[in-house]
């Protein structure tokens, strides 16, 4: 019995021959280790608690996928708690639920204001890792650099010959969006005054409303509206559909660039130019940071993917 325990828990070295015999017996018997019992014996909590503001949006869901995969590989269980809003009551209930069992630590997706607020409510005694779009000095975090991605998308559109780039922004996380800051950086480098930001939430419906506004302005004579950088791909989908409903062509009349590289981006009409992010890798890196395991090579996290929704402006609007 001690040998079986050593093989399953990795608590001591066992010969390869004996290890193989034990694993074959485990497989034949259909045995599954009990995580709760293991935690009681080893004193090592097996639960990784994840606080997130959403589970439906692509970026959230893909990051959670990476967290779950890495936690499972480390012999831990990921438990998801959704924070419905940034209200005091919802935050308190969510954090209390997330900490209601012994946890190996907490991972917070700081993709919205509720995530930012939740960070302040985690006791200092609880191990914490945050997936964030902004550098932080107060908590351990994995950074996805929205700012450089926003700047890259904007520079690309300016490089095509567009006089300026309009921005349909995603919601704030409690601090200024890195995507918006990158857009501003690139415009300032080019000596171009930033146009008024068109706000949206994360969804395509809000992008559609923003696209209608921009399309109406273009049809009313605003010939500076030839390129739009969107806060995420779902917003871009809505913007493209709205522009088309106003009789405008993408990219012939207006180029559109998104952010995230949603699975539908290459299948959209036209296929969407976007900034690709490896959200799954971000989730895995968060688990490695939380459990203090050696990080794997993250590779490129964000890069521009050029497709059919972007092109140089037509000669009459250059």
Protein backbone atom coordinates (compact mmCIF):
# COMPACT_ATOMS: atom_id res chain seq x y z
CA UNK A 1 0.00 0.00 0.00
CA UNK A 2 2.77 2.55 0.77
CA UNK A 3 4.23 1.84 -2.68
CA UNK A 4 0.89 2.63 -4.35
CA UNK A 5 0.69 5.87 -2.40
CA UNK A 6 4.21 6.87 -3.43
CA UNK A 7 3.45 6.24 -7.11
CA UNK A 8 0.15 8.13 -7.15
CA UNK A 9 1.32 11.06 -5.03
CA UNK A 10 4.88 11.31 -6.29
CA UNK A 11 6.12 11.62 -2.71
CA UNK A 12 9.14 9.36 -3.14
CA UNK A 13 11.17 7.67 -5.87
CA UNK A 14 9.91 4.28 -7.03
CA UNK A 15 11.61 2.00 -9.54
CA UNK A 16 10.21 2.22 -13.06
CA UNK A 17 9.32 -1.49 -13.02
CA UNK A 18 7.32 -1.18 -9.80
CA UNK A 19 5.72 2.07 -10.98
CA UNK A 20 4.54 0.38 -14.17
CA UNK A 21 2.98 -2.51 -12.21
CA UNK A 22 1.10 -0.10 -9.94
CA UNK A 23 -0.23 2.02 -12.81
CA UNK A 24 -1.43 -1.07 -14.69
CA UNK A 25 -3.29 -2.24 -11.58
CA UNK A 26 -4.83 1.22 -11.08
CA UNK A 27 -6.03 1.21 -14.68
CA UNK A 28 -7.44 -2.33 -14.44
CA UNK A 29 -9.35 -1.52 -11.24
CA UNK A 30 -10.64 1.81 -12.56
CA UNK A 31 -9.33 3.58 -9.47
CA UNK A 32 -9.63 7.38 -9.24
CA UNK A 33 -7.75 9.28 -6.50
CA UNK A 34 -9.96 11.24 -4.10
CA UNK A 35 -8.71 14.82 -4.16
CA UNK A 36 -10.39 15.78 -0.90
CA UNK A 37 -8.92 12.80 0.95
CA UNK A 38 -5.50 13.48 -0.56
CA UNK A 39 -5.64 17.07 0.70
CA UNK A 40 -6.42 15.86 4.22
CA UNK A 41 -3.50 13.42 4.19
CA UNK A 42 -0.89 15.65 2.58
CA UNK A 43 -2.09 18.97 4.00
CA UNK A 44 -1.88 20.34 0.48
CA UNK A 45 -5.16 21.89 -0.79
CA UNK A 46 -6.03 20.67 -4.26
CA UNK A 47 -8.47 23.43 -5.24
CA UNK A 48 -7.54 26.38 -7.46
CA UNK A 49 -10.32 28.96 -7.20
CA UNK A 50 -10.93 31.17 -10.27
CA UNK A 51 -12.80 34.46 -10.04
CA UNK A 52 -14.07 35.77 -13.36
CA UNK A 53 -16.60 38.32 -14.55
CA UNK A 54 -17.87 36.23 -17.46
CA UNK A 55 -17.61 32.75 -18.96
CA UNK A 56 -19.25 33.37 -22.34
CA UNK A 57 -16.87 35.84 -24.01
CA UNK A 58 -14.06 34.27 -26.01
CA UNK A 59 -11.15 35.76 -24.04
CA UNK A 60 -12.59 34.74 -20.67
CA UNK A 61 -13.51 31.21 -21.79
CA UNK A 62 -10.15 30.53 -23.44
CA UNK A 63 -8.19 31.76 -20.41
CA UNK A 64 -10.28 29.54 -18.15
CA UNK A 65 -9.53 26.62 -20.50
CA UNK A 66 -5.80 27.20 -20.03
CA UNK A 67 -6.21 27.42 -16.25
CA UNK A 68 -8.18 24.18 -16.09
CA UNK A 69 -5.70 22.31 -18.28
CA UNK A 70 -2.67 23.46 -16.27
CA UNK A 71 -4.38 22.85 -12.92
CA UNK A 72 -5.34 19.32 -13.97
CA UNK A 73 -1.79 18.61 -15.16
CA UNK A 74 -0.55 19.71 -11.73
CA UNK A 75 -3.01 17.41 -9.94
CA UNK A 76 -5.30 20.26 -8.90
CA UNK A 77 -8.95 21.05 -9.52
CA UNK A 78 -10.09 24.42 -10.90
CA UNK A 79 -13.36 25.80 -9.51
CA UNK A 80 -14.97 28.76 -11.31
CA UNK A 81 -16.86 31.50 -9.48
CA UNK A 82 -18.56 34.15 -11.64
CA UNK A 83 -18.68 37.70 -10.26
CA UNK A 84 -21.84 39.16 -11.74
CA UNK A 85 -21.00 42.81 -11.09
CA UNK A 86 -18.71 45.12 -9.14
CA UNK A 87 -21.31 45.77 -6.45
CA UNK A 88 -20.20 45.26 -2.85
CA UNK A 89 -22.77 42.53 -2.23
CA UNK A 90 -21.92 40.46 -5.31
CA UNK A 91 -18.18 40.82 -4.71
CA UNK A 92 -18.52 39.75 -1.09
CA UNK A 93 -20.68 36.74 -1.98
CA UNK A 94 -18.35 35.64 -4.78
CA UNK A 95 -15.17 35.94 -2.72
CA UNK A 96 -16.78 34.19 0.28
CA UNK A 97 -17.86 31.33 -1.98
CA UNK A 98 -14.44 31.07 -3.65
CA UNK A 99 -12.75 30.84 -0.24
CA UNK A 100 -15.35 28.60 1.42
CA UNK A 101 -13.04 25.58 1.03
CA UNK A 102 -9.29 25.24 1.59
CA UNK A 103 -7.65 26.49 -1.60
CA UNK A 104 -4.19 26.21 -3.09
CA UNK A 105 -4.73 29.76 -4.26
CA UNK A 106 -6.93 32.14 -6.23
CA UNK A 107 -6.63 33.27 -9.84
CA UNK A 108 -8.50 36.43 -10.85
CA UNK A 109 -9.21 37.44 -14.45
CA UNK A 110 -8.87 41.21 -14.39
CA UNK A 111 -10.73 41.69 -17.66
CA UNK A 112 -13.36 44.02 -16.18
CA UNK A 113 -14.04 46.22 -13.17
CA UNK A 114 -15.41 43.34 -11.08
CA UNK A 115 -12.08 41.55 -11.44
CA UNK A 116 -10.17 44.66 -10.38
CA UNK A 117 -12.38 45.10 -7.32
CA UNK A 118 -12.13 41.42 -6.36
CA UNK A 119 -8.33 41.66 -6.07
CA UNK A 120 -8.68 43.99 -3.08
CA UNK A 121 -10.87 41.49 -1.23
CA UNK A 122 -8.51 38.50 -1.23
CA UNK A 123 -6.75 38.12 2.15
CA UNK A 124 -2.96 38.52 2.03
CA UNK A 125 -2.61 35.01 3.49
CA UNK A 126 -4.15 33.44 0.35
CA UNK A 127 -1.82 32.83 -2.64
CA UNK A 128 -2.98 34.96 -5.56
CA UNK A 129 -2.25 35.31 -9.29
CA UNK A 130 -3.92 37.83 -11.57
CA UNK A 131 -4.30 37.78 -15.36
CA UNK A 132 -4.13 41.49 -16.20
CA UNK A 133 -3.83 43.84 -19.16
CA UNK A 134 -1.90 46.42 -17.13
CA UNK A 135 1.40 46.11 -15.23
CA UNK A 136 0.86 45.85 -11.46
CA UNK A 137 3.29 46.20 -8.57
CA UNK A 138 0.93 45.11 -5.80
CA UNK A 139 0.10 41.51 -6.81
CA UNK A 140 1.74 38.69 -8.80
CA UNK A 141 0.33 38.84 -12.29
CA UNK A 142 0.54 37.50 -15.83
CA UNK A 143 0.48 40.35 -18.32
CA UNK A 144 -1.15 40.32 -21.73
CA UNK A 145 0.13 43.50 -23.31
CA UNK A 146 -2.97 45.18 -24.72
CA UNK A 147 -1.12 48.44 -25.13
CA UNK A 148 1.45 47.14 -27.61
CA UNK A 149 -1.30 45.28 -29.48
CA UNK A 150 -3.43 48.42 -29.77
CA UNK A 151 -0.44 50.37 -31.02
CA UNK A 152 0.44 47.67 -33.57
CA UNK A 153 -3.09 47.62 -35.00
CA UNK A 154 -3.19 51.41 -35.27
CA UNK A 155 0.26 51.70 -36.84
CA UNK A 156 -0.74 49.10 -39.39
CA UNK A 157 -3.82 51.08 -40.45
CA UNK A 158 -1.87 54.34 -40.59
CA UNK A 159 0.79 52.56 -42.64
CA UNK A 160 -1.86 51.64 -45.20
CA UNK A 161 -2.37 55.34 -45.81
CA UNK A 162 -5.38 56.17 -43.61
CA UNK A 163 -5.28 59.75 -42.32
CA UNK A 164 -6.54 58.68 -38.89
CA UNK A 165 -7.97 55.67 -37.09
CA UNK A 166 -11.23 55.74 -35.14
CA UNK A 167 -11.60 53.57 -32.04
CA UNK A 168 -14.62 51.69 -30.72
CA UNK A 169 -13.51 50.91 -27.18
CA UNK A 170 -14.15 47.97 -24.88
CA UNK A 171 -15.23 48.60 -21.26
CA UNK A 172 -12.78 49.87 -18.65
CA UNK A 173 -11.38 47.49 -16.04
CA UNK A 174 -11.11 50.28 -13.49
CA UNK A 175 -8.07 51.75 -15.22
CA UNK A 176 -7.62 53.08 -18.73
CA UNK A 177 -7.77 50.32 -21.35
CA UNK A 178 -4.36 49.28 -22.66
CA UNK A 179 -5.86 48.94 -26.13
CA UNK A 180 -7.03 52.54 -26.01
CA UNK A 181 -3.64 53.71 -24.73
CA UNK A 182 -1.86 51.85 -27.53
CA UNK A 183 -4.18 53.47 -30.09
CA UNK A 184 -3.37 56.88 -28.60
CA UNK A 185 0.37 56.11 -28.59
CA UNK A 186 0.43 55.25 -32.30
CA UNK A 187 -1.61 58.31 -33.29
CA UNK A 188 0.65 60.59 -31.22
CA UNK A 189 3.76 59.07 -32.83
CA UNK A 190 2.29 59.91 -36.24
CA UNK A 191 1.34 63.45 -35.18
CA UNK A 192 -2.36 62.69 -35.61
CA UNK A 193 -4.97 64.06 -33.21
CA UNK A 194 -7.03 61.25 -31.70
CA UNK A 195 -10.70 61.28 -32.78
CA UNK A 196 -13.48 60.97 -30.24
CA UNK A 197 -13.69 57.46 -28.78
CA UNK A 198 -16.91 55.55 -29.49
CA UNK A 199 -17.75 53.46 -26.39
CA UNK A 200 -19.08 49.89 -26.47
CA UNK A 201 -19.34 46.87 -24.21
CA UNK A 202 -17.79 43.49 -25.07
CA UNK A 203 -20.69 42.33 -27.26
CA UNK A 204 -21.48 42.48 -30.97
CA UNK A 205 -24.76 44.33 -30.37
CA UNK A 206 -22.93 47.32 -28.91
CA UNK A 207 -20.51 47.17 -31.85
CA UNK A 208 -23.49 47.28 -34.19
CA UNK A 209 -24.78 50.47 -32.53
CA UNK A 210 -21.30 52.02 -32.73
CA UNK A 211 -21.03 51.01 -36.38
CA UNK A 212 -24.36 52.66 -37.17
CA UNK A 213 -23.10 55.89 -35.60
CA UNK A 214 -19.85 55.82 -37.59
CA UNK A 215 -21.62 54.80 -40.78
CA UNK A 216 -24.11 57.66 -40.49
CA UNK A 217 -21.26 60.13 -39.95
CA UNK A 218 -19.44 58.80 -43.00
CA UNK A 219 -22.55 59.04 -45.17
CA UNK A 220 -23.06 62.60 -43.90
CA UNK A 221 -19.69 63.62 -45.33
CA UNK A 222 -17.07 62.65 -42.72
CA UNK A 223 -14.43 61.41 -45.19
CA UNK A 224 -11.89 60.97 -42.37
CA UNK A 225 -13.76 57.83 -41.26
CA UNK A 226 -11.90 55.26 -43.33
CA UNK A 227 -10.39 53.02 -40.62
CA UNK A 228 -11.78 51.66 -37.34
CA UNK A 229 -9.89 49.79 -34.62
CA UNK A 230 -12.24 47.85 -32.32
CA UNK A 231 -11.73 46.83 -28.69
CA UNK A 232 -12.40 43.16 -29.48
CA UNK A 233 -13.54 40.96 -32.35
CA UNK A 234 -17.17 40.72 -31.25
CA UNK A 235 -17.38 44.51 -31.38
CA UNK A 236 -15.75 44.42 -34.83
CA UNK A 237 -18.33 41.88 -36.04
CA UNK A 238 -21.11 44.26 -35.04
CA UNK A 239 -19.36 47.27 -36.58
CA UNK A 240 -18.90 45.49 -39.92
CA UNK A 241 -22.54 44.39 -40.03
CA UNK A 242 -23.73 47.93 -39.24
CA UNK A 243 -21.52 49.54 -41.90
CA UNK A 244 -22.81 47.05 -44.46
CA UNK A 245 -26.40 47.85 -43.47
CA UNK A 246 -25.64 51.50 -44.26
CA UNK A 247 -24.46 50.57 -47.74
CA UNK A 248 -20.76 50.93 -46.94
CA UNK A 249 -18.20 48.35 -48.07
CA UNK A 250 -15.53 46.83 -45.83
CA UNK A 251 -12.68 47.38 -46.57
CA UNK A 252 -13.23 49.41 -49.76
CA UNK A 253 -14.94 52.28 -47.90
CA UNK A 254 -13.89 51.60 -44.30
CA UNK A 255 -11.25 49.20 -42.96
CA UNK A 256 -11.99 47.40 -39.68
CA UNK A 257 -9.49 45.74 -37.33
CA UNK A 258 -10.42 43.75 -34.22
CA UNK A 259 -8.58 42.34 -31.21
CA UNK A 260 -8.33 38.74 -29.84
CA UNK A 261 -8.56 36.55 -32.99
CA UNK A 262 -11.93 35.00 -32.21
CA UNK A 263 -12.47 31.58 -33.89
CA UNK A 264 -15.08 33.20 -36.16
CA UNK A 265 -12.68 35.95 -37.30
CA UNK A 266 -11.35 34.07 -40.36
CA UNK A 267 -14.90 32.94 -41.27
CA UNK A 268 -16.52 36.39 -41.10
CA UNK A 269 -17.41 38.33 -44.26
CA UNK A 270 -14.97 39.84 -44.86
CA UNK A 271 -12.46 37.80 -42.86
CA UNK A 272 -11.37 39.97 -39.94
CA UNK A 273 -7.90 41.48 -39.55
CA UNK A 274 -7.14 41.33 -35.83
CA UNK A 275 -4.58 41.15 -33.04
CA UNK A 276 -4.21 37.50 -32.03
CA UNK A 277 -3.75 36.64 -28.35
CA UNK A 278 -2.92 33.27 -26.83
CA UNK A 279 -5.46 33.32 -23.99
CA UNK A 280 -5.02 29.61 -23.26
CA UNK A 281 -1.31 30.19 -22.71
CA UNK A 282 -2.11 33.09 -20.38
CA UNK A 283 -4.29 30.80 -18.28
CA UNK A 284 -1.56 28.17 -18.05
CA UNK A 285 1.00 30.81 -17.08
CA UNK A 286 -1.31 32.00 -14.28
CA UNK A 287 -1.41 28.50 -12.78
CA UNK A 288 2.38 28.21 -13.04
CA UNK A 289 2.74 31.55 -11.26
CA UNK A 290 0.26 30.60 -8.54
CA UNK A 291 1.81 27.19 -7.84
CA UNK A 292 5.34 28.53 -8.33
CA UNK A 293 6.21 25.87 -10.89
CA UNK A 294 8.83 26.45 -13.59
CA UNK A 295 7.19 28.44 -16.42
CA UNK A 296 7.07 27.00 -19.90
CA UNK A 297 8.10 29.11 -22.88
CA UNK A 298 5.12 31.41 -23.56
CA UNK A 299 6.20 32.29 -27.12
CA UNK A 300 4.55 35.24 -28.84
CA UNK A 301 1.43 36.31 -26.93
CA UNK A 302 0.01 38.96 -29.29
CA UNK A 303 0.56 39.62 -32.96
CA UNK A 304 -1.23 41.10 -35.96
CA UNK A 305 -3.11 38.74 -38.29
CA UNK A 306 -3.90 40.41 -41.61
CA UNK A 307 -7.04 39.27 -43.41
CA UNK A 308 -9.62 40.81 -45.77
CA UNK A 309 -11.25 43.51 -43.62
CA UNK A 310 -8.40 46.02 -44.02
CA UNK A 311 -6.96 47.77 -47.08
CA UNK A 312 -5.55 51.16 -48.16
CA UNK A 313 -8.17 53.93 -48.35
CA UNK A 314 -9.80 54.66 -51.67
CA UNK A 315 -8.01 57.41 -53.66
CA UNK A 316 -10.81 59.95 -53.12
CA UNK A 317 -10.46 59.84 -49.31
CA UNK A 318 -6.66 59.77 -48.99
